[in-house]
Amino acid sequence: MPGIRPLSFTRNLGGLDKAYKAIRAGYVSGVSVEDFQKKCGLSDSLAFLVIEFFLCTLVRSGKEYVLEDTLVNQSLLRDRFDKTLARLYFFALNLNIPGERLREEHRNAAALQNVVVRTHAYEGEGWNASRFEKDGSLDPFIARVGEFTSAHRKWVNNYWWMFHQCDFVVRPDGTVETFPDTWGLLALRLFFERYTAVNPNEDVDSLVSAAYTHEIYKLIGVPRTWLDARVEGAANMFLTEEFYVFEAGKESTEERKAAKKGVEAPPPGEEAKRREVKIGQLIRRGDNRKFLKDVYQGVCQISGVKLKLPGDWFTVDCAHIRPLGLPHNGPDDVKNMLSLSPTMHRLFDRRCILIEPESLSIKFLHGNDHPHLAKLLVKAPHTVSRDAIRYFNSKILGGY
């Protein structure tokens, strides 16, 4: 992997808090890169670092504009810089998805940071703390893989300090406890936002595949099993804009002490319990989706069609019959879910499909005429809630 050319990371940005202050000073909705540089309160060179390494931009009519994503929103929402923001910034720094850039050399700006985390710091099932040591590990690795035109020591100092601002804990075995459930879902949402900004119209399966391709678990410093349990539910909830689950929290003092001692964390306090409820809900959503995929193998319950993708993949949506959340409060349960093709999912959500609750016969409404099954396909062990269908027909369709 030798020969990675970093941008001028040797300019001394210092701490991540400077990026936070710059975003709060320079960002307004729809701001161009040029205007952000003028408003952010940093010199041109330091503003350049914030834009290149932390922000995502989109090109419109020959100009670069700053994307309003989770990193920006969290910066504006929090009235002071904290370790949750530091962790999210550090993730963005290593992610290497800068969006659309006018200049070719800026389209892979954080390649070096990405390589450091994925191939150097990540070992086994997490980060090895010794790989972030300046003299014994970071410095020789960076000197070997980076094509610096000037001294690389400032790069190492900056990166080392940014890592330490995250306030992670080193366990007795030398691995890093990143407390992923306090901020990792924000990182997942940030990844989904930046990925879909340049890859629009993606479905759940595409987002899941992309998360593994980009090795997001390595960028969060967790075992792959952490991502396995969460990514399908997170992708599904992202696409359905159920953003309430993508929240941050703080680890308790007891959790930090347990990590330092290498022992199991104590029973969770109230904040940790709320965090566990959200994580449990997200994991359940992913498990429900996997259940429907296993039962129907991608076949749509309305059309009977399986949409095949290259590499023996298929794409399917898992749709709720009685919608979740207010005012409908539908259950997040497989009995309230259908395996639908993206087209049928959209027609169903837009009140164009009627399912008769007793016979499960299918009727298209409003002049739509698409090939479909005579009745809803239901395979064991999946059962469909007739009450959910009745609710849909009465409250969503308006009395059918």
Protein backbone atom coordinates (compact mmCIF):
# COMPACT_ATOMS: atom_id res chain seq x y z
CA MET A 1 0.00 0.00 0.00
CA PRO A 2 2.93 2.45 -0.20
CA GLY A 3 2.52 5.75 -1.98
CA ILE A 4 -0.57 7.27 -0.40
CA ARG A 5 -0.37 11.00 -0.98
CA PRO A 6 -1.97 12.91 1.88
CA LEU A 7 -3.26 16.43 1.49
CA SER A 8 -1.62 19.09 3.62
CA PHE A 9 -2.60 17.60 6.93
CA THR A 10 0.70 18.93 8.27
CA ARG A 11 -0.89 22.36 8.63
CA ASN A 12 -1.51 22.55 12.34
CA LEU A 13 -5.29 22.42 12.81
CA GLY A 14 -4.78 21.27 16.37
CA GLY A 15 -7.80 19.85 18.15
CA LEU A 16 -11.12 18.71 16.78
CA ASP A 17 -12.73 21.52 18.75
CA LYS A 18 -11.42 23.96 16.12
CA ALA A 19 -13.40 22.14 13.45
CA TYR A 20 -16.48 22.31 15.70
CA LYS A 21 -16.14 26.07 16.17
CA ALA A 22 -15.60 26.57 12.45
CA ILE A 23 -18.74 24.62 11.53
CA ARG A 24 -20.85 26.56 14.01
CA ALA A 25 -19.50 29.86 12.70
CA GLY A 26 -19.50 29.06 9.00
CA TYR A 27 -22.44 26.80 8.27
CA VAL A 28 -25.86 27.96 7.15
CA SER A 29 -28.26 25.96 5.02
CA GLY A 30 -27.12 25.87 1.41
CA VAL A 31 -23.72 27.44 2.11
CA SER A 32 -21.09 27.10 -0.59
CA VAL A 33 -17.54 26.06 0.20
CA GLU A 34 -16.35 29.52 -0.77
CA ASP A 35 -18.76 31.23 1.64
CA PHE A 36 -18.04 28.74 4.40
CA GLN A 37 -14.35 29.58 4.18
CA LYS A 38 -15.13 33.26 4.54
CA LYS A 39 -17.47 32.83 7.54
CA CYS A 40 -15.88 30.03 9.57
CA GLY A 41 -13.33 32.19 11.38
CA LEU A 42 -10.25 30.24 10.32
CA SER A 43 -7.45 31.13 7.97
CA ASP A 44 -7.83 29.87 4.41
CA SER A 45 -5.45 26.96 5.00
CA LEU A 46 -7.14 25.79 8.20
CA ALA A 47 -10.62 26.22 6.70
CA PHE A 48 -9.37 24.06 3.84
CA LEU A 49 -8.52 21.28 6.31
CA VAL A 50 -12.00 21.34 7.86
CA ILE A 51 -13.66 21.15 4.46
CA GLU A 52 -11.39 18.46 3.06
CA PHE A 53 -11.27 16.09 6.00
CA PHE A 54 -14.48 16.55 7.99
CA LEU A 55 -17.22 17.87 5.71
CA CYS A 56 -19.01 16.38 2.73
CA THR A 57 -19.72 18.51 -0.32
CA LEU A 58 -21.93 18.28 -3.40
CA VAL A 59 -21.33 19.99 -6.73
CA ARG A 60 -24.14 22.02 -8.24
CA SER A 61 -23.74 24.24 -11.31
CA GLY A 62 -19.98 24.17 -11.03
CA LYS A 63 -19.83 25.09 -7.32
CA GLU A 64 -19.20 23.01 -4.22
CA TYR A 65 -21.78 23.17 -1.43
CA VAL A 66 -21.53 21.79 2.10
CA LEU A 67 -23.91 18.89 2.76
CA GLU A 68 -26.08 19.24 5.86
CA ASP A 69 -25.50 15.86 7.47
CA THR A 70 -25.33 14.38 10.97
CA LEU A 71 -21.88 15.84 11.61
CA VAL A 72 -23.12 19.34 10.82
CA ASN A 73 -26.43 18.91 12.65
CA GLN A 74 -24.83 17.55 15.79
CA SER A 75 -22.35 20.43 15.76
CA LEU A 76 -25.17 22.96 15.57
CA LEU A 77 -27.32 21.20 18.17
CA ARG A 78 -24.62 20.99 20.87
CA ASP A 79 -23.69 24.24 22.53
CA ARG A 80 -20.29 22.93 23.55
CA PHE A 81 -17.74 20.52 22.16
CA ASP A 82 -17.84 17.12 23.87
CA LYS A 83 -16.43 13.64 23.48
CA THR A 84 -19.44 12.40 21.50
CA LEU A 85 -18.72 15.05 18.89
CA ALA A 86 -15.01 14.22 19.04
CA ARG A 87 -15.78 10.57 18.28
CA LEU A 88 -18.09 11.49 15.41
CA TYR A 89 -15.47 13.87 14.00
CA PHE A 90 -12.78 11.21 14.29
CA PHE A 91 -15.04 8.77 12.44
CA ALA A 92 -15.66 11.34 9.67
CA LEU A 93 -11.93 11.98 9.47
CA ASN A 94 -11.28 8.28 8.84
CA LEU A 95 -14.33 7.58 6.67
CA ASN A 96 -12.93 9.04 3.45
CA ILE A 97 -16.28 9.84 1.80
CA PRO A 98 -15.91 13.53 0.95
CA GLY A 99 -18.81 13.65 -1.49
CA GLU A 100 -18.50 15.37 -4.86
CA ARG A 101 -15.39 17.44 -5.47
CA LEU A 102 -14.40 19.61 -8.40
CA ARG A 103 -10.73 18.66 -8.21
CA GLU A 104 -9.66 15.07 -8.70
CA GLU A 105 -7.03 15.12 -5.93
CA HIS A 106 -9.68 16.08 -3.37
CA ARG A 107 -11.94 13.09 -4.06
CA ASN A 108 -9.90 10.74 -1.89
CA ALA A 109 -8.69 13.23 0.68
CA ALA A 110 -8.61 11.00 3.75
CA ALA A 111 -7.14 7.87 2.20
CA LEU A 112 -4.21 7.84 4.59
CA GLN A 113 -6.34 8.11 7.73
CA ASN A 114 -8.64 5.38 6.39
CA VAL A 115 -5.69 3.06 5.83
CA VAL A 116 -4.24 3.80 9.27
CA VAL A 117 -7.43 2.71 11.04
CA ARG A 118 -8.42 -0.26 8.87
CA THR A 119 -5.02 -1.86 8.31
CA HIS A 120 -2.83 -0.59 11.14
CA ALA A 121 -4.91 0.20 14.24
CA TYR A 122 -7.55 -2.51 13.78
CA GLU A 123 -6.36 -5.90 14.96
CA GLY A 124 -8.44 -8.94 15.84
CA GLU A 125 -11.81 -7.49 16.83
CA GLY A 126 -10.98 -3.90 17.65
CA TRP A 127 -8.33 -1.21 17.88
CA ASN A 128 -4.94 -1.98 19.38
CA ALA A 129 -4.07 1.01 21.58
CA SER A 130 -0.35 0.61 20.95
CA ARG A 131 -0.91 1.28 17.24
CA PHE A 132 -1.87 4.87 18.13
CA GLU A 133 1.41 5.54 19.95
CA LYS A 134 3.30 8.31 18.24
CA ASP A 135 6.91 7.23 18.35
CA GLY A 136 6.74 3.46 18.39
CA SER A 137 3.94 2.86 15.91
CA LEU A 138 2.24 5.77 14.14
CA ASP A 139 5.40 7.58 13.09
CA PRO A 140 7.16 4.62 11.41
CA PHE A 141 3.95 3.43 9.76
CA ILE A 142 3.14 6.87 8.33
CA ALA A 143 6.70 7.34 7.16
CA ARG A 144 6.46 4.03 5.30
CA VAL A 145 3.09 4.43 3.57
CA GLY A 146 2.68 8.17 3.05
CA GLU A 147 4.26 10.22 0.28
CA PHE A 148 4.94 13.42 2.20
CA THR A 149 6.53 16.38 0.51
CA SER A 150 7.44 17.78 3.94
CA ALA A 151 8.02 16.39 7.42
CA HIS A 152 5.29 13.98 8.43
CA ARG A 153 5.70 14.56 12.18
CA LYS A 154 3.02 17.28 12.30
CA TRP A 155 0.60 14.85 10.69
CA VAL A 156 1.37 12.29 13.36
CA ASN A 157 1.00 14.83 16.18
CA ASN A 158 -2.35 16.06 14.84
CA TYR A 159 -3.74 12.57 14.37
CA TRP A 160 -2.54 11.37 17.76
CA TRP A 161 -4.17 14.35 19.49
CA MET A 162 -7.43 13.89 17.63
CA PHE A 163 -7.58 10.24 18.72
CA HIS A 164 -6.97 11.20 22.35
CA GLN A 165 -9.71 13.84 22.28
CA CYS A 166 -12.22 11.00 21.86
CA ASP A 167 -11.58 9.93 25.46
CA PHE A 168 -11.76 6.21 24.79
CA VAL A 169 -10.60 3.70 27.42
CA VAL A 170 -7.72 1.24 27.07
CA ARG A 171 -8.54 -2.16 28.52
CA PRO A 172 -5.95 -4.21 30.43
CA ASP A 173 -5.35 -6.35 27.31
CA GLY A 174 -4.36 -3.26 25.32
CA THR A 175 -7.50 -3.04 23.20
CA VAL A 176 -9.52 0.18 22.96
CA GLU A 177 -13.06 0.37 24.33
CA THR A 178 -14.82 2.87 22.06
CA PHE A 179 -18.26 2.63 23.77
CA PRO A 180 -19.88 2.25 20.32
CA ASP A 181 -23.49 2.20 21.48
CA THR A 182 -23.13 5.77 22.77
CA TRP A 183 -22.16 7.21 19.37
CA GLY A 184 -21.85 4.43 16.79
CA LEU A 185 -25.41 4.77 15.52
CA LEU A 186 -24.73 8.42 14.74
CA ALA A 187 -21.68 7.24 12.81
CA LEU A 188 -23.81 4.74 10.88
CA ARG A 189 -26.31 7.44 10.00
CA LEU A 190 -23.48 9.74 8.89
CA PHE A 191 -22.18 6.97 6.65
CA PHE A 192 -25.62 6.34 5.14
CA GLU A 193 -26.07 10.07 4.47
CA ARG A 194 -22.73 10.47 2.74
CA TYR A 195 -23.05 7.27 0.79
CA THR A 196 -26.55 8.04 -0.49
CA ALA A 197 -25.54 11.62 -1.32
CA VAL A 198 -23.42 10.25 -4.14
CA ASN A 199 -25.35 6.97 -4.62
CA PRO A 200 -29.01 8.04 -4.59
CA ASN A 201 -32.00 5.69 -4.64
CA GLU A 202 -30.24 2.98 -2.67
CA ASP A 203 -32.26 0.32 -0.85
CA VAL A 204 -31.60 -1.42 2.47
CA ASP A 205 -29.59 -4.24 0.93
CA SER A 206 -27.34 -1.81 -0.94
CA LEU A 207 -26.68 0.20 2.24
CA VAL A 208 -25.89 -2.96 4.19
CA SER A 209 -23.51 -4.15 1.49
CA ALA A 210 -21.82 -0.74 1.36
CA ALA A 211 -21.33 -0.70 5.15
CA TYR A 212 -19.39 -3.95 4.91
CA THR A 213 -17.48 -2.85 1.81
CA HIS A 214 -16.32 0.28 3.64
CA GLU A 215 -15.56 -1.82 6.75
CA ILE A 216 -17.49 0.52 9.00
CA TYR A 217 -16.98 -1.74 12.00
CA LYS A 218 -13.23 -1.15 11.74
CA LEU A 219 -13.76 2.62 11.61
CA ILE A 220 -15.83 2.43 14.83
CA GLY A 221 -13.33 0.07 16.45
CA VAL A 222 -15.71 -2.83 17.14
CA PRO A 223 -16.05 -6.51 16.24
CA ARG A 224 -17.85 -7.24 12.99
CA THR A 225 -20.60 -8.87 15.07
CA TRP A 226 -21.53 -5.41 16.43
CA LEU A 227 -22.32 -4.32 12.89
CA ASP A 228 -23.97 -7.65 12.03
CA ALA A 229 -26.56 -7.13 14.76
CA ARG A 230 -27.39 -3.52 13.90
CA VAL A 231 -26.78 -2.64 10.27
CA GLU A 232 -29.96 -4.03 8.64
CA GLY A 233 -32.21 -2.41 11.21
CA ALA A 234 -30.25 0.83 11.03
CA ALA A 235 -30.43 0.95 7.23
CA ASN A 236 -34.15 0.22 7.28
CA MET A 237 -34.85 2.89 9.88
CA PHE A 238 -32.65 5.39 8.03
CA LEU A 239 -34.57 4.93 4.79
CA THR A 240 -37.90 5.21 6.57
CA GLU A 241 -36.61 8.36 8.31
CA GLU A 242 -37.07 6.99 11.81
CA PHE A 243 -34.19 9.09 13.01
CA TYR A 244 -35.13 8.98 16.67
CA VAL A 245 -33.15 5.76 17.05
CA PHE A 246 -29.96 7.46 15.84
CA GLU A 247 -29.21 9.18 19.10
CA ALA A 248 -26.08 9.56 21.16
CA GLY A 249 -25.56 9.01 24.85
CA LYS A 250 -22.76 8.98 27.36
CA GLU A 251 -21.19 6.01 28.99
CA SER A 252 -21.49 6.04 32.76
CA THR A 253 -18.59 6.36 35.18
CA GLU A 254 -19.22 2.74 36.14
CA GLU A 255 -18.97 1.60 32.51
CA ARG A 256 -15.64 3.41 32.13
CA LYS A 257 -14.27 1.91 35.35
CA ALA A 258 -15.34 -1.57 34.25
CA ALA A 259 -13.61 -1.15 30.88
CA LYS A 260 -10.38 0.00 32.54
CA LYS A 261 -10.44 -3.07 34.78
CA GLY A 262 -11.45 -5.40 31.94
CA VAL A 263 -14.52 -6.65 33.78
CA GLU A 264 -18.18 -6.84 32.84
CA ALA A 265 -20.05 -3.56 33.11
CA PRO A 266 -22.49 -3.23 36.03
CA PRO A 267 -26.27 -3.20 35.54
CA PRO A 268 -27.19 -0.16 33.45
CA GLY A 269 -28.45 3.07 34.93
CA GLU A 270 -31.48 4.89 33.58
CA GLU A 271 -29.68 6.51 30.63
CA ALA A 272 -28.02 3.23 29.70
CA LYS A 273 -31.39 1.45 29.95
CA ARG A 274 -32.90 3.90 27.46
CA ARG A 275 -29.94 3.28 25.20
CA GLU A 276 -30.46 -0.48 25.45
CA VAL A 277 -34.14 -0.11 24.55
CA LYS A 278 -33.25 1.75 21.35
CA ILE A 279 -30.52 -0.71 20.45
CA GLY A 280 -32.90 -3.59 21.13
CA GLN A 281 -35.53 -2.02 18.89
CA LEU A 282 -33.00 -1.55 16.10
CA ILE A 283 -31.72 -5.12 16.38
CA ARG A 284 -35.30 -6.41 16.39
CA ARG A 285 -36.00 -4.51 13.18
CA GLY A 286 -33.02 -6.17 11.56
CA ASP A 287 -34.06 -9.60 12.83
CA ASN A 288 -37.59 -9.11 11.47
CA ARG A 289 -36.19 -8.19 8.09
CA LYS A 290 -33.89 -11.22 8.05
CA PHE A 291 -36.84 -13.44 8.95
CA LEU A 292 -38.90 -12.22 5.98
CA LYS A 293 -35.92 -12.50 3.63
CA ASP A 294 -35.33 -16.08 4.74
CA VAL A 295 -38.99 -17.07 4.37
CA TYR A 296 -39.66 -15.45 0.99
CA GLN A 297 -36.14 -15.38 -0.48
CA GLY A 298 -36.82 -12.01 -2.08
CA VAL A 299 -40.20 -12.89 -3.59
CA CYS A 300 -42.78 -10.07 -3.36
CA GLN A 301 -45.96 -11.15 -1.57
CA ILE A 302 -48.11 -9.01 -3.88
CA SER A 303 -46.52 -9.41 -7.31
CA GLY A 304 -44.87 -12.79 -6.86
CA VAL A 305 -41.75 -11.37 -8.53
CA LYS A 306 -38.19 -11.73 -7.27
CA LEU A 307 -35.88 -8.86 -8.27
CA LYS A 308 -32.45 -10.40 -8.81
CA LEU A 309 -29.17 -8.52 -8.60
CA PRO A 310 -25.64 -9.44 -9.73
CA GLY A 311 -23.79 -11.86 -7.52
CA ASP A 312 -26.87 -13.92 -6.59
CA TRP A 313 -28.26 -11.01 -4.55
CA PHE A 314 -31.85 -9.83 -4.54
CA THR A 315 -33.57 -6.66 -3.44
CA VAL A 316 -36.73 -6.54 -1.36
CA ASP A 317 -38.42 -4.09 1.00
CA CYS A 318 -39.95 -5.07 4.33
CA ALA A 319 -43.06 -2.93 4.69
CA HIS A 320 -45.23 -2.38 7.75
CA ILE A 321 -48.98 -2.75 7.23
CA ARG A 322 -50.13 -0.63 10.15
CA PRO A 323 -47.54 2.19 10.18
CA LEU A 324 -45.22 2.59 13.12
CA GLY A 325 -45.16 5.70 15.28
CA LEU A 326 -47.79 8.34 15.86
CA PRO A 327 -50.68 8.41 15.18
CA HIS A 328 -50.93 4.76 14.11
CA ASN A 329 -48.63 3.04 16.63
CA GLY A 330 -48.36 -0.16 14.66
CA PRO A 331 -46.36 -3.03 16.20
CA ASP A 332 -42.81 -3.69 15.00
CA ASP A 333 -43.58 -7.36 14.48
CA VAL A 334 -43.32 -9.71 11.49
CA LYS A 335 -47.11 -10.23 11.58
CA ASN A 336 -47.40 -6.55 10.72
CA MET A 337 -44.84 -6.76 7.91
CA LEU A 338 -44.80 -7.78 4.26
CA SER A 339 -42.02 -8.71 1.86
CA LEU A 340 -42.56 -6.36 -1.11
CA SER A 341 -40.69 -5.27 -4.19
CA PRO A 342 -39.74 -1.57 -4.07
CA THR A 343 -42.46 -0.75 -6.61
CA MET A 344 -45.18 -2.60 -4.69
CA HIS A 345 -43.99 -1.07 -1.44
CA ARG A 346 -44.43 2.43 -2.83
CA LEU A 347 -47.83 1.65 -4.31
CA PHE A 348 -48.94 0.11 -1.02
CA ASP A 349 -47.73 3.09 1.04
CA ARG A 350 -49.42 5.49 -1.40
CA ARG A 351 -52.83 3.84 -0.90
CA CYS A 352 -52.97 2.16 -4.30
CA ILE A 353 -53.38 -1.46 -3.17
CA LEU A 354 -56.26 -3.06 -1.27
CA ILE A 355 -55.89 -6.43 0.47
CA GLU A 356 -59.14 -8.06 1.55
CA PRO A 357 -58.54 -9.16 5.19
CA GLU A 358 -60.41 -12.48 5.09
CA SER A 359 -59.55 -13.89 1.68
CA LEU A 360 -56.30 -11.89 1.27
CA SER A 361 -57.34 -11.13 -2.32
CA ILE A 362 -55.54 -8.21 -3.94
CA LYS A 363 -57.07 -5.26 -5.80
CA PHE A 364 -55.27 -2.27 -7.33
CA LEU A 365 -56.89 1.15 -6.90
CA HIS A 366 -56.99 4.50 -8.71
CA GLY A 367 -56.58 3.04 -12.19
CA ASN A 368 -53.29 1.27 -11.51
CA ASP A 369 -52.87 -1.95 -13.47
CA HIS A 370 -49.79 -3.98 -12.60
CA PRO A 371 -49.27 -7.74 -12.86
CA HIS A 372 -49.95 -9.24 -9.43
CA LEU A 373 -51.04 -12.37 -7.62
CA ALA A 374 -54.73 -13.05 -7.11
CA LYS A 375 -54.19 -13.19 -3.36
CA LEU A 376 -51.44 -12.31 -0.95
CA LEU A 377 -48.64 -14.87 -0.84
CA VAL A 378 -48.15 -16.13 2.72
CA LYS A 379 -45.59 -18.81 3.51
CA ALA A 380 -45.14 -20.61 6.83
CA PRO A 381 -43.95 -19.81 9.42
CA HIS A 382 -44.99 -16.23 8.56
CA THR A 383 -48.51 -15.20 9.44
CA VAL A 384 -50.12 -11.88 8.52
CA SER A 385 -52.24 -9.94 10.97
CA ARG A 386 -55.77 -9.54 9.63
CA ASP A 387 -56.31 -6.81 12.23
CA ALA A 388 -53.42 -4.86 10.76
CA ILE A 389 -54.95 -5.17 7.28
CA ARG A 390 -58.33 -4.04 8.59
CA TYR A 391 -56.70 -1.05 10.22
CA PHE A 392 -54.89 -0.20 6.98
CA ASN A 393 -58.09 -0.43 4.94
CA SER A 394 -60.07 1.65 7.43
CA LYS A 395 -57.57 4.32 8.55
CA ILE A 396 -55.13 4.53 5.64
CA LEU A 397 -57.33 3.75 2.65
CA GLY A 398 -60.28 5.59 4.18
CA GLY A 399 -62.91 2.93 4.65
CA TYR A 400 -62.40 0.23 2.04
